């Protein structure tokens, strides 16, 4: 076999072997896991969705001893949970109009899904009772090293000093790896 042809075959074999080596990760190479970040529509039906309106006449949690002097309407909201670096953030607020709703309060909770319809409270922020027609609270929660979890925001709205109460959940949940 001519020397030129042997050189050509050896070069071709070298190209094939080097191509195989380049496409195969080495044993010591670190594999990177891309973090999961997914918005999931609310699937748990235990609470109404954000934007729920309630009134003095329609509240099932009202005390029989409390009768407001005039009609009022409150709307309670829960933001979708958000992520920045290794934190989860969210906000809840309530607006009331009419007369007789005062004082009002919001309590905003970040929850983590445990499965089978169970949720765990991770952080709670509370406005206390206020005499303004709009009240809000927000939170930032460090989720470092919790792995992949699903989170939601819950807002509890109170009116007439706690005699009336309504809770809502965020429209969407956040599934994320922290």
Foldseek 3Di string as FASTA:
>chain_A
DDPVVVVVVVVVVVVVVVVVVVVDDDPPDDDDDDKDKDKAFDDQPPAAAAFDKDKQVRFPQADPVDDFPDIKMKGKGWAEWDDDDQKIKIKIKMFMDDPRFPFKKKKKFKWWDPDPNDIDTDDIDIDPTDGHGMDMDMDIGGRPPVAWIKMKMKMWMATNNRSGIGMHIYRIIITITD
